[in-house]
């Protein structure tokens, strides 16, 4: 598949995943609906500036627009391990924040004494 078709298919996929119509995406990105249609069909190619806008609007890193679906292999990917790491980080960060709040409350209450 050529790069314009890959980009167009991914643009359509991410737009639909976010429940946006072509009209809504066009408005948010500041382009015409016709241009969105041309990009999604692969008959036109995206500029660097517009790519940045799509990344911001759709919340997708730029390189995701250029990846073929078949090139993404999650077989054997340690998702459970990643989930454990993220969970641990969230708990650690919550404890840090909680301790900082307690410290500030104690410092504030000692000022009034």
PDB file of N, CA and C in Angstrom:
ATOM      1  N   UNK A   1       0.855  -1.182   0.000  1.00  0.00           N
ATOM      2  CA  UNK A   1       0.000   0.000   0.000  1.00  0.00           C
ATOM      3  C   UNK A   1       0.895   1.237   0.000  1.00  0.00           C
ATOM      4  N   UNK A   2       0.503   2.257  -0.735  1.00  0.00           N
ATOM      5  CA  UNK A   2       1.347   3.451  -0.763  1.00  0.00           C
ATOM      6  C   UNK A   2       1.104   4.328   0.474  1.00  0.00           C
ATOM      7  N   UNK A   3       2.039   5.204   0.770  1.00  0.00           N
ATOM      8  CA  UNK A   3       2.047   5.983   2.004  1.00  0.00           C
ATOM      9  C   UNK A   3       0.813   6.875   2.125  1.00  0.00           C
ATOM     10  N   UNK A   4       0.322   7.406   0.999  1.00  0.00           N
ATOM     11  CA  UNK A   4      -0.870   8.252   1.053  1.00  0.00           C
ATOM     12  C   UNK A   4      -2.103   7.440   1.455  1.00  0.00           C
ATOM     13  N   UNK A   5      -2.178   6.211   0.960  1.00  0.00           N
ATOM     14  CA  UNK A   5      -3.313   5.336   1.308  1.00  0.00           C
ATOM     15  C   UNK A   5      -3.226   4.911   2.776  1.00  0.00           C
ATOM     16  N   UNK A   6      -2.016   4.605   3.234  1.00  0.00           N
ATOM     17  CA  UNK A   6      -1.832   4.229   4.642  1.00  0.00           C
ATOM     18  C   UNK A   6      -2.232   5.394   5.543  1.00  0.00           C
ATOM     19  N   UNK A   7      -1.745   6.589   5.204  1.00  0.00           N
ATOM     20  CA  UNK A   7      -2.092   7.758   5.997  1.00  0.00           C
ATOM     21  C   UNK A   7      -3.605   7.966   6.013  1.00  0.00           C
ATOM     22  N   UNK A   8      -4.225   7.907   4.849  1.00  0.00           N
ATOM     23  CA  UNK A   8      -5.668   8.132   4.743  1.00  0.00           C
ATOM     24  C   UNK A   8      -6.477   7.133   5.547  1.00  0.00           C
ATOM     25  N   UNK A   9      -6.088   5.864   5.470  1.00  0.00           N
ATOM     26  CA  UNK A   9      -6.804   4.824   6.224  1.00  0.00           C
ATOM     27  C   UNK A   9      -6.674   5.062   7.729  1.00  0.00           C
ATOM     28  N   UNK A  10      -5.484   5.455   8.161  1.00  0.00           N
ATOM     29  CA  UNK A  10      -5.277   5.710   9.589  1.00  0.00           C
ATOM     30  C   UNK A  10      -6.000   6.974  10.043  1.00  0.00           C
ATOM     31  N   UNK A  11      -5.999   8.001   9.225  1.00  0.00           N
ATOM     32  CA  UNK A  11      -6.725   9.218   9.572  1.00  0.00           C
ATOM     33  C   UNK A  11      -8.208   8.891   9.773  1.00  0.00           C
ATOM     34  N   UNK A  12      -8.775   8.143   8.850  1.00  0.00           N
ATOM     35  CA  UNK A  12     -10.182   7.738   8.949  1.00  0.00           C
ATOM     36  C   UNK A  12     -10.411   6.915  10.221  1.00  0.00           C
ATOM     37  N   UNK A  13      -9.505   5.959  10.486  1.00  0.00           N
ATOM     38  CA  UNK A  13      -9.648   5.094  11.661  1.00  0.00           C
ATOM     39  C   UNK A  13      -9.643   5.909  12.949  1.00  0.00           C
ATOM     40  N   UNK A  14      -8.662   6.792  13.115  1.00  0.00           N
ATOM     41  CA  UNK A  14      -8.572   7.573  14.351  1.00  0.00           C
ATOM     42  C   UNK A  14      -9.711   8.587  14.470  1.00  0.00           C
ATOM     43  N   UNK A  15     -10.140   9.135  13.349  1.00  0.00           N
ATOM     44  CA  UNK A  15     -11.281  10.063  13.372  1.00  0.00           C
ATOM     45  C   UNK A  15     -12.534   9.346  13.849  1.00  0.00           C
ATOM     46  N   UNK A  16     -12.787   8.155  13.301  1.00  0.00           N
ATOM     47  CA  UNK A  16     -13.975   7.388  13.678  1.00  0.00           C
ATOM     48  C   UNK A  16     -13.890   6.885  15.114  1.00  0.00           C
ATOM     49  N   UNK A  17     -12.688   6.496  15.564  1.00  0.00           N
ATOM     50  CA  UNK A  17     -12.525   6.054  16.947  1.00  0.00           C
ATOM     51  C   UNK A  17     -12.909   7.155  17.929  1.00  0.00           C
ATOM     52  N   UNK A  18     -12.760   8.401  17.508  1.00  0.00           N
ATOM     53  CA  UNK A  18     -13.093   9.542  18.367  1.00  0.00           C
ATOM     54  C   UNK A  18     -14.481  10.092  18.064  1.00  0.00           C
ATOM     55  N   UNK A  19     -15.233   9.326  17.278  1.00  0.00           N
ATOM     56  CA  UNK A  19     -16.616   9.674  16.916  1.00  0.00           C
ATOM     57  C   UNK A  19     -16.734  11.067  16.317  1.00  0.00           C
ATOM     58  N   UNK A  20     -15.792  11.401  15.448  1.00  0.00           N
ATOM     59  CA  UNK A  20     -15.821  12.688  14.761  1.00  0.00           C
ATOM     60  C   UNK A  20     -16.236  12.480  13.312  1.00  0.00           C
ATOM     61  N   UNK A  21     -17.077  13.356  12.819  1.00  0.00           N
ATOM     62  CA  UNK A  21     -17.409  13.342  11.392  1.00  0.00           C
ATOM     63  C   UNK A  21     -16.276  14.040  10.645  1.00  0.00           C
ATOM     64  N   UNK A  22     -16.274  13.890   9.330  1.00  0.00           N
ATOM     65  CA  UNK A  22     -15.292  14.619   8.531  1.00  0.00           C
ATOM     66  C   UNK A  22     -15.471  16.124   8.734  1.00  0.00           C
ATOM     67  N   UNK A  23     -16.706  16.551   8.850  1.00  0.00           N
ATOM     68  CA  UNK A  23     -16.990  17.970   9.048  1.00  0.00           C
ATOM     69  C   UNK A  23     -16.399  18.477  10.365  1.00  0.00           C
ATOM     70  N   UNK A  24     -16.566  17.693  11.428  1.00  0.00           N
ATOM     71  CA  UNK A  24     -16.044  18.097  12.740  1.00  0.00           C
ATOM     72  C   UNK A  24     -14.520  18.151  12.733  1.00  0.00           C
ATOM     73  N   UNK A  25     -13.899  17.143  12.131  1.00  0.00           N
ATOM     74  CA  UNK A  25     -12.444  17.134  12.059  1.00  0.00           C
ATOM     75  C   UNK A  25     -11.945  18.318  11.229  1.00  0.00           C
ATOM     76  N   UNK A  26     -12.607  18.569  10.122  1.00  0.00           N
ATOM     77  CA  UNK A  26     -12.212  19.682   9.258  1.00  0.00           C
ATOM     78  C   UNK A  26     -12.276  21.003  10.029  1.00  0.00           C
ATOM     79  N   UNK A  27     -13.336  21.189  10.784  1.00  0.00           N
ATOM     80  CA  UNK A  27     -13.489  22.423  11.555  1.00  0.00           C
ATOM     81  C   UNK A  27     -12.390  22.562  12.608  1.00  0.00           C
ATOM     82  N   UNK A  28     -12.127  21.480  13.331  1.00  0.00           N
ATOM     83  CA  UNK A  28     -11.108  21.513  14.387  1.00  0.00           C
ATOM     84  C   UNK A  28      -9.701  21.724  13.824  1.00  0.00           C
ATOM     85  N   UNK A  29      -9.448  21.192  12.622  1.00  0.00           N
ATOM     86  CA  UNK A  29      -8.120  21.299  12.022  1.00  0.00           C
ATOM     87  C   UNK A  29      -7.989  22.528  11.120  1.00  0.00           C
ATOM     88  N   UNK A  30      -9.094  23.204  10.863  1.00  0.00           N
ATOM     89  CA  UNK A  30      -9.045  24.410  10.050  1.00  0.00           C
ATOM     90  C   UNK A  30      -8.852  24.164   8.563  1.00  0.00           C
ATOM     91  N   UNK A  31      -9.429  23.063   8.064  1.00  0.00           N
ATOM     92  CA  UNK A  31      -9.354  22.757   6.632  1.00  0.00           C
ATOM     93  C   UNK A  31     -10.759  22.454   6.120  1.00  0.00           C
ATOM     94  N   UNK A  32     -10.890  22.275   4.825  1.00  0.00           N
ATOM     95  CA  UNK A  32     -12.195  21.978   4.249  1.00  0.00           C
ATOM     96  C   UNK A  32     -12.528  20.494   4.383  1.00  0.00           C
ATOM     97  N   UNK A  33     -13.803  20.205   4.356  1.00  0.00           N
ATOM     98  CA  UNK A  33     -14.271  18.820   4.388  1.00  0.00           C
ATOM     99  C   UNK A  33     -13.755  18.089   3.154  1.00  0.00           C
ATOM    100  N   UNK A  34     -13.715  18.787   2.033  1.00  0.00           N
ATOM    101  CA  UNK A  34     -13.217  18.203   0.781  1.00  0.00           C
ATOM    102  C   UNK A  34     -11.760  17.744   0.962  1.00  0.00           C
ATOM    103  N   UNK A  35     -10.971  18.539   1.674  1.00  0.00           N
ATOM    104  CA  UNK A  35      -9.565  18.180   1.902  1.00  0.00           C
ATOM    105  C   UNK A  35      -9.459  16.935   2.789  1.00  0.00           C
ATOM    106  N   UNK A  36     -10.295  16.846   3.811  1.00  0.00           N
ATOM    107  CA  UNK A  36     -10.307  15.652   4.668  1.00  0.00           C
ATOM    108  C   UNK A  36     -10.640  14.429   3.818  1.00  0.00           C
ATOM    109  N   UNK A  37     -11.649  14.554   2.966  1.00  0.00           N
ATOM    110  CA  UNK A  37     -12.028  13.446   2.088  1.00  0.00           C
ATOM    111  C   UNK A  37     -10.896  13.024   1.169  1.00  0.00           C
ATOM    112  N   UNK A  38     -10.179  14.006   0.613  1.00  0.00           N
ATOM    113  CA  UNK A  38      -9.055  13.708  -0.283  1.00  0.00           C
ATOM    114  C   UNK A  38      -7.921  13.026   0.480  1.00  0.00           C
ATOM    115  N   UNK A  39      -7.685  13.452   1.713  1.00  0.00           N
ATOM    116  CA  UNK A  39      -6.643  12.812   2.527  1.00  0.00           C
ATOM    117  C   UNK A  39      -7.032  11.381   2.864  1.00  0.00           C
ATOM    118  N   UNK A  40      -8.275  11.181   3.286  1.00  0.00           N
ATOM    119  CA  UNK A  40      -8.720   9.841   3.664  1.00  0.00           C
ATOM    120  C   UNK A  40      -8.756   8.877   2.487  1.00  0.00           C
ATOM    121  N   UNK A  41      -8.997   9.389   1.305  1.00  0.00           N
ATOM    122  CA  UNK A  41      -9.034   8.516   0.122  1.00  0.00           C
ATOM    123  C   UNK A  41      -7.636   8.234  -0.426  1.00  0.00           C
ATOM    124  N   UNK A  42      -6.648   8.998   0.047  1.00  0.00           N
ATOM    125  CA  UNK A  42      -5.286   8.808  -0.432  1.00  0.00           C
ATOM    126  C   UNK A  42      -4.982   9.554  -1.709  1.00  0.00           C
ATOM    127  N   UNK A  43      -5.885  10.434  -2.129  1.00  0.00           N
ATOM    128  CA  UNK A  43      -5.619  11.188  -3.351  1.00  0.00           C
ATOM    129  C   UNK A  43      -4.850  12.478  -3.084  1.00  0.00           C
ATOM    130  N   UNK A  44      -4.692  12.816  -1.809  1.00  0.00           N
ATOM    131  CA  UNK A  44      -3.919  13.995  -1.414  1.00  0.00           C
ATOM    132  C   UNK A  44      -3.036  13.591  -0.242  1.00  0.00           C
ATOM    133  N   UNK A  45      -1.991  14.383   0.010  1.00  0.00           N
ATOM    134  CA  UNK A  45      -1.106  14.053   1.117  1.00  0.00           C
ATOM    135  C   UNK A  45      -1.042  15.201   2.103  1.00  0.00           C
ATOM    136  N   UNK A  46      -0.810  14.887   3.320  1.00  0.00           N
ATOM    137  CA  UNK A  46      -0.833  15.838   4.431  1.00  0.00           C
ATOM    138  C   UNK A  46       0.445  16.680   4.476  1.00  0.00           C
ATOM    139  N   UNK A  47       0.304  17.936   4.872  1.00  0.00           N
ATOM    140  CA  UNK A  47       1.474  18.784   5.112  1.00  0.00           C
ATOM    141  C   UNK A  47       1.938  18.552   6.554  1.00  0.00           C
ATOM    142  N   UNK A  48       3.149  18.959   6.848  1.00  0.00           N
ATOM    143  CA  UNK A  48       3.679  18.803   8.204  1.00  0.00           C
ATOM    144  C   UNK A  48       2.837  19.580   9.208  1.00  0.00           C
ATOM    145  N   UNK A  49       2.418  20.786   8.835  1.00  0.00           N
ATOM    146  CA  UNK A  49       1.621  21.616   9.735  1.00  0.00           C
ATOM    147  C   UNK A  49       0.274  20.967  10.036  1.00  0.00           C
ATOM    148  N   UNK A  50      -0.372  20.432   9.000  1.00  0.00           N
ATOM    149  CA  UNK A  50      -1.672  19.798   9.195  1.00  0.00           C
ATOM    150  C   UNK A  50      -1.515  18.503   9.989  1.00  0.00           C
ATOM    151  N   UNK A  51      -0.437  17.792   9.769  1.00  0.00           N
ATOM    152  CA  UNK A  51      -0.170  16.586  10.554  1.00  0.00           C
ATOM    153  C   UNK A  51      -0.110  16.941  12.037  1.00  0.00           C
ATOM    154  N   UNK A  52       0.561  18.022  12.374  1.00  0.00           N
ATOM    155  CA  UNK A  52       0.619  18.478  13.772  1.00  0.00           C
ATOM    156  C   UNK A  52      -0.775  18.744  14.310  1.00  0.00           C
ATOM    157  N   UNK A  53      -1.614  19.382  13.503  1.00  0.00           N
ATOM    158  CA  UNK A  53      -2.990  19.662  13.932  1.00  0.00           C
ATOM    159  C   UNK A  53      -3.759  18.370  14.181  1.00  0.00           C
ATOM    160  N   UNK A  54      -3.617  17.397  13.266  1.00  0.00           N
ATOM    161  CA  UNK A  54      -4.311  16.120  13.451  1.00  0.00           C
ATOM    162  C   UNK A  54      -3.829  15.415  14.718  1.00  0.00           C
ATOM    163  N   UNK A  55      -2.542  15.470  14.979  1.00  0.00           N
ATOM    164  CA  UNK A  55      -2.000  14.855  16.192  1.00  0.00           C
ATOM    165  C   UNK A  55      -2.643  15.472  17.430  1.00  0.00           C
ATOM    166  N   UNK A  56      -2.753  16.790  17.445  1.00  0.00           N
ATOM    167  CA  UNK A  56      -3.333  17.491  18.589  1.00  0.00           C
ATOM    168  C   UNK A  56      -4.828  17.198  18.723  1.00  0.00           C
ATOM    169  N   UNK A  57      -5.546  17.262  17.624  1.00  0.00           N
ATOM    170  CA  UNK A  57      -7.003  17.070  17.658  1.00  0.00           C
ATOM    171  C   UNK A  57      -7.365  15.630  18.008  1.00  0.00           C
ATOM    172  N   UNK A  58      -6.646  14.674  17.423  1.00  0.00           N
ATOM    173  CA  UNK A  58      -6.991  13.265  17.605  1.00  0.00           C
ATOM    174  C   UNK A  58      -6.224  12.600  18.746  1.00  0.00           C
ATOM    175  N   UNK A  59      -5.208  13.286  19.278  1.00  0.00           N
ATOM    176  CA  UNK A  59      -4.428  12.713  20.373  1.00  0.00           C
ATOM    177  C   UNK A  59      -3.629  11.495  19.952  1.00  0.00           C
ATOM    178  N   UNK A  60      -3.053  11.562  18.762  1.00  0.00           N
ATOM    179  CA  UNK A  60      -2.316  10.428  18.196  1.00  0.00           C
ATOM    180  C   UNK A  60      -0.911  10.894  17.821  1.00  0.00           C
ATOM    181  N   UNK A  61       0.130  10.139  18.200  1.00  0.00           N
ATOM    182  CA  UNK A  61       1.485  10.498  17.769  1.00  0.00           C
ATOM    183  C   UNK A  61       1.599  10.427  16.242  1.00  0.00           C
ATOM    184  N   UNK A  62       2.410  11.282  15.673  1.00  0.00           N
ATOM    185  CA  UNK A  62       2.526  11.393  14.215  1.00  0.00           C
ATOM    186  C   UNK A  62       2.847  10.056  13.544  1.00  0.00           C
ATOM    187  N   UNK A  63       3.751   9.295  14.125  1.00  0.00           N
ATOM    188  CA  UNK A  63       4.161   8.061  13.437  1.00  0.00           C
ATOM    189  C   UNK A  63       3.037   7.031  13.341  1.00  0.00           C
ATOM    190  N   UNK A  64       2.011   7.131  14.182  1.00  0.00           N
ATOM    191  CA  UNK A  64       0.888   6.196  14.102  1.00  0.00           C
ATOM    192  C   UNK A  64       0.133   6.327  12.784  1.00  0.00           C
ATOM    193  N   UNK A  65       0.139   7.515  12.200  1.00  0.00           N
ATOM    194  CA  UNK A  65      -0.568   7.721  10.942  1.00  0.00           C
ATOM    195  C   UNK A  65       0.103   6.998   9.775  1.00  0.00           C
ATOM    196  N   UNK A  66       1.351   6.584   9.959  1.00  0.00           N
ATOM    197  CA  UNK A  66       2.110   5.988   8.860  1.00  0.00           C
ATOM    198  C   UNK A  66       2.379   4.497   9.051  1.00  0.00           C
ATOM    199  N   UNK A  67       1.742   3.901  10.041  1.00  0.00           N
ATOM    200  CA  UNK A  67       1.947   2.483  10.316  1.00  0.00           C
ATOM    201  C   UNK A  67       0.827   1.655   9.694  1.00  0.00           C
ATOM    202  N   UNK A  68       1.227   0.607   8.976  1.00  0.00           N
ATOM    203  CA  UNK A  68       0.229  -0.312   8.445  1.00  0.00           C
ATOM    204  C   UNK A  68      -0.266  -1.182   9.584  1.00  0.00           C
ATOM    205  N   UNK A  69      -1.553  -1.455   9.590  1.00  0.00           N
ATOM    206  CA  UNK A  69      -2.164  -2.261  10.649  1.00  0.00           C
ATOM    207  C   UNK A  69      -1.447  -3.601  10.790  1.00  0.00           C
ATOM    208  N   UNK A  70      -1.071  -4.193   9.674  1.00  0.00           N
ATOM    209  CA  UNK A  70      -0.425  -5.511   9.707  1.00  0.00           C
ATOM    210  C   UNK A  70       0.970  -5.457  10.321  1.00  0.00           C
ATOM    211  N   UNK A  71       1.563  -4.251  10.427  1.00  0.00           N
ATOM    212  CA  UNK A  71       2.908  -4.155  10.996  1.00  0.00           C
ATOM    213  C   UNK A  71       2.895  -4.071  12.517  1.00  0.00           C
ATOM    214  N   UNK A  72       1.707  -3.960  13.099  1.00  0.00           N
ATOM    215  CA  UNK A  72       1.599  -3.867  14.554  1.00  0.00           C
ATOM    216  C   UNK A  72       1.350  -5.269  15.083  1.00  0.00           C
ATOM    217  N   UNK A  73       2.338  -5.835  15.731  1.00  0.00           N
ATOM    218  CA  UNK A  73       2.247  -7.189  16.259  1.00  0.00           C
ATOM    219  C   UNK A  73       2.285  -7.147  17.774  1.00  0.00           C
ATOM    220  N   UNK A  74       1.146  -7.403  18.382  1.00  0.00           N
ATOM    221  CA  UNK A  74       1.080  -7.380  19.839  1.00  0.00           C
ATOM    222  C   UNK A  74       1.183  -8.774  20.447  1.00  0.00           C
ATOM    223  N   UNK A  75       1.384  -9.790  19.605  1.00  0.00           N
ATOM    224  CA  UNK A  75       1.505 -11.143  20.125  1.00  0.00           C
ATOM    225  C   UNK A  75       2.689 -11.221  21.075  1.00  0.00           C
ATOM    226  N   UNK A  76       2.439 -11.691  22.257  1.00  0.00           N
ATOM    227  CA  UNK A  76       3.503 -11.829  23.235  1.00  0.00           C
ATOM    228  C   UNK A  76       3.896 -10.529  23.909  1.00  0.00           C
ATOM    229  N   UNK A  77       3.197  -9.448  23.602  1.00  0.00           N
ATOM    230  CA  UNK A  77       3.515  -8.160  24.221  1.00  0.00           C
ATOM    231  C   UNK A  77       3.104  -8.228  25.684  1.00  0.00           C
ATOM    232  N   UNK A  78       3.985  -7.852  26.591  1.00  0.00           N
ATOM    233  CA  UNK A  78       3.711  -8.043  28.030  1.00  0.00           C
ATOM    234  C   UNK A  78       2.759  -6.981  28.592  1.00  0.00           C
ATOM    235  N   UNK A  79       1.498  -6.997  28.120  1.00  0.00           N
ATOM    236  CA  UNK A  79       0.539  -5.991  28.564  1.00  0.00           C
ATOM    237  C   UNK A  79       0.278  -6.086  30.062  1.00  0.00           C
ATOM    238  N   UNK A  80       0.215  -7.294  30.592  1.00  0.00           N
ATOM    239  CA  UNK A  80       0.012  -7.454  32.033  1.00  0.00           C
ATOM    240  C   UNK A  80       1.151  -6.834  32.822  1.00  0.00           C
ATOM    241  N   UNK A  81       2.349  -7.003  32.342  1.00  0.00           N
ATOM    242  CA  UNK A  81       3.523  -6.431  33.008  1.00  0.00           C
ATOM    243  C   UNK A  81       3.481  -4.906  32.955  1.00  0.00           C
ATOM    244  N   UNK A  82       3.108  -4.356  31.822  1.00  0.00           N
ATOM    245  CA  UNK A  82       2.994  -2.912  31.686  1.00  0.00           C
ATOM    246  C   UNK A  82       1.917  -2.387  32.629  1.00  0.00           C
ATOM    247  N   UNK A  83       0.796  -3.094  32.711  1.00  0.00           N
ATOM    248  CA  UNK A  83      -0.285  -2.699  33.612  1.00  0.00           C
ATOM    249  C   UNK A  83       0.205  -2.667  35.059  1.00  0.00           C
ATOM    250  N   UNK A  84       0.989  -3.643  35.458  1.00  0.00           N
ATOM    251  CA  UNK A  84       1.533  -3.680  36.818  1.00  0.00           C
ATOM    252  C   UNK A  84       2.468  -2.500  37.075  1.00  0.00           C
ATOM    253  N   UNK A  85       3.291  -2.179  36.120  1.00  0.00           N
ATOM    254  CA  UNK A  85       4.226  -1.059  36.268  1.00  0.00           C
ATOM    255  C   UNK A  85       3.455   0.251  36.417  1.00  0.00           C
ATOM    256  N   UNK A  86       2.473   0.459  35.541  1.00  0.00           N
ATOM    257  CA  UNK A  86       1.681   1.686  35.593  1.00  0.00           C
ATOM    258  C   UNK A  86       0.927   1.773  36.911  1.00  0.00           C
ATOM    259  N   UNK A  87       0.334   0.672  37.335  1.00  0.00           N
ATOM    260  CA  UNK A  87      -0.400   0.646  38.608  1.00  0.00           C
ATOM    261  C   UNK A  87       0.538   1.006  39.762  1.00  0.00           C
ATOM    262  N   UNK A  88       1.733   0.439  39.762  1.00  0.00           N
ATOM    263  CA  UNK A  88       2.709   0.747  40.806  1.00  0.00           C
ATOM    264  C   UNK A  88       3.101   2.209  40.807  1.00  0.00           C
ATOM    265  N   UNK A  89       3.284   2.774  39.624  1.00  0.00           N
ATOM    266  CA  UNK A  89       3.629   4.192  39.523  1.00  0.00           C
ATOM    267  C   UNK A  89       2.497   5.081  40.028  1.00  0.00           C
ATOM    268  N   UNK A  90       1.274   4.708  39.707  1.00  0.00           N
ATOM    269  CA  UNK A  90       0.131   5.496  40.175  1.00  0.00           C
ATOM    270  C   UNK A  90       0.033   5.476  41.694  1.00  0.00           C
ATOM    271  N   UNK A  91       0.221   4.318  42.292  1.00  0.00           N
ATOM    272  CA  UNK A  91       0.177   4.212  43.757  1.00  0.00           C
ATOM    273  C   UNK A  91       1.308   5.024  44.371  1.00  0.00           C
ATOM    274  N   UNK A  92       2.512   4.914  43.809  1.00  0.00           N
ATOM    275  CA  UNK A  92       3.655   5.667  44.324  1.00  0.00           C
ATOM    276  C   UNK A  92       3.396   7.166  44.257  1.00  0.00           C
ATOM    277  N   UNK A  93       2.899   7.615  43.096  1.00  0.00           N
ATOM    278  CA  UNK A  93       2.630   9.040  42.924  1.00  0.00           C
ATOM    279  C   UNK A  93       1.516   9.515  43.854  1.00  0.00           C
ATOM    280  N   UNK A  94       0.492   8.701  44.045  1.00  0.00           N
ATOM    281  CA  UNK A  94      -0.592   9.070  44.958  1.00  0.00           C
ATOM    282  C   UNK A  94      -0.061   9.208  46.384  1.00  0.00           C
ATOM    283  N   UNK A  95       0.826   8.325  46.786  1.00  0.00           N
ATOM    284  CA  UNK A  95       1.417   8.408  48.128  1.00  0.00           C
ATOM    285  C   UNK A  95       2.280   9.659  48.279  1.00  0.00           C
ATOM    286  N   UNK A  96       3.044   9.986  47.258  1.00  0.00           N
ATOM    287  CA  UNK A  96       3.888  11.193  47.298  1.00  0.00           C
ATOM    288  C   UNK A  96       3.008  12.435  47.448  1.00  0.00           C
ATOM    289  N   UNK A  97       1.949  12.496  46.666  1.00  0.00           N
ATOM    290  CA  UNK A  97       1.044  13.645  46.723  1.00  0.00           C
ATOM    291  C   UNK A  97       0.363  13.725  48.087  1.00  0.00           C
ATOM    292  N   UNK A  98      -0.107  12.608  48.571  1.00  0.00           N
ATOM    293  CA  UNK A  98      -0.766  12.566  49.877  1.00  0.00           C
ATOM    294  C   UNK A  98       0.172  13.035  50.980  1.00  0.00           C
ATOM    295  N   UNK A  99       1.394  12.552  50.971  1.00  0.00           N
ATOM    296  CA  UNK A  99       2.368  12.956  51.991  1.00  0.00           C
ATOM    297  C   UNK A  99       2.697  14.439  51.895  1.00  0.00           C
ATOM    298  N   UNK A 100       2.782  14.969  50.695  1.00  0.00           N
ATOM    299  CA  UNK A 100       3.071  16.396  50.509  1.00  0.00           C
ATOM    300  C   UNK A 100       1.919  17.246  51.036  1.00  0.00           C
ATOM    301  N   UNK A 101       0.695  16.818  50.776  1.00  0.00           N
ATOM    302  CA  UNK A 101      -0.469  17.551  51.286  1.00  0.00           C
ATOM    303  C   UNK A 101      -0.471  17.537  52.815  1.00  0.00           C
ATOM    304  N   UNK A 102      -0.215  16.379  53.399  1.00  0.00           N
ATOM    305  CA  UNK A 102      -0.169  16.279  54.870  1.00  0.00           C
ATOM    306  C   UNK A 102       0.909  17.194  55.436  1.00  0.00           C
ATOM    307  N   UNK A 103       2.066  17.217  54.796  1.00  0.00           N
ATOM    308  CA  UNK A 103       3.165  18.062  55.261  1.00  0.00           C
ATOM    309  C   UNK A 103       2.781  19.536  55.215  1.00  0.00           C
ATOM    310  N   UNK A 104       2.123  19.934  54.125  1.00  0.00           N
ATOM    311  CA  UNK A 104       1.712  21.351  53.987  1.00  0.00           C
ATOM    312  C   UNK A 104       0.630  21.711  54.995  1.00  0.00           C
ATOM    313  N   UNK A 105      -0.283  20.791  55.251  1.00  0.00           N
ATOM    314  CA  UNK A 105      -1.334  21.045  56.243  1.00  0.00           C
ATOM    315  C   UNK A 105      -0.717  21.223  57.625  1.00  0.00           C
ATOM    316  N   UNK A 106       0.223  20.342  57.971  1.00  0.00           N
ATOM    317  CA  UNK A 106       0.909  20.464  59.273  1.00  0.00           C
ATOM    318  C   UNK A 106       1.680  21.768  59.378  1.00  0.00           C
ATOM    319  N   UNK A 107       2.360  22.138  58.305  1.00  0.00           N
ATOM    320  CA  UNK A 107       3.127  23.390  58.313  1.00  0.00           C
ATOM    321  C   UNK A 107       2.185  24.585  58.463  1.00  0.00           C
ATOM    322  N   UNK A 108       1.044  24.539  57.780  1.00  0.00           N
ATOM    323  CA  UNK A 108       0.092  25.632  57.843  1.00  0.00           C
ATOM    324  C   UNK A 108      -0.527  25.725  59.229  1.00  0.00           C
ATOM    325  N   UNK A 109      -0.884  24.561  59.794  1.00  0.00           N
ATOM    326  CA  UNK A 109      -1.533  24.569  61.122  1.00  0.00           C
ATOM    327  C   UNK A 109      -0.553  25.014  62.211  1.00  0.00           C
ATOM    328  N   UNK A 110       0.749  24.781  62.035  1.00  0.00           N
ATOM    329  CA  UNK A 110       1.739  25.225  63.033  1.00  0.00           C
ATOM    330  C   UNK A 110       1.941  26.721  62.977  1.00  0.00           C
ATOM    331  N   UNK A 111       1.629  27.347  61.850  1.00  0.00           N
ATOM    332  CA  UNK A 111       1.749  28.809  61.742  1.00  0.00           C
ATOM    333  C   UNK A 111       0.713  29.515  62.613  1.00  0.00           C
ATOM    334  N   UNK A 112      -0.450  28.900  62.753  1.00  0.00           N
ATOM    335  CA  UNK A 112      -1.522  29.520  63.525  1.00  0.00           C
ATOM    336  C   UNK A 112      -1.356  29.323  65.024  1.00  0.00           C
ATOM    337  N   UNK A 113      -0.427  28.494  65.442  1.00  0.00           N
ATOM    338  CA  UNK A 113      -0.256  28.206  66.874  1.00  0.00           C
ATOM    339  C   UNK A 113       0.625  29.215  67.556  1.00  0.00           C
TER     340      UNK A 113
END
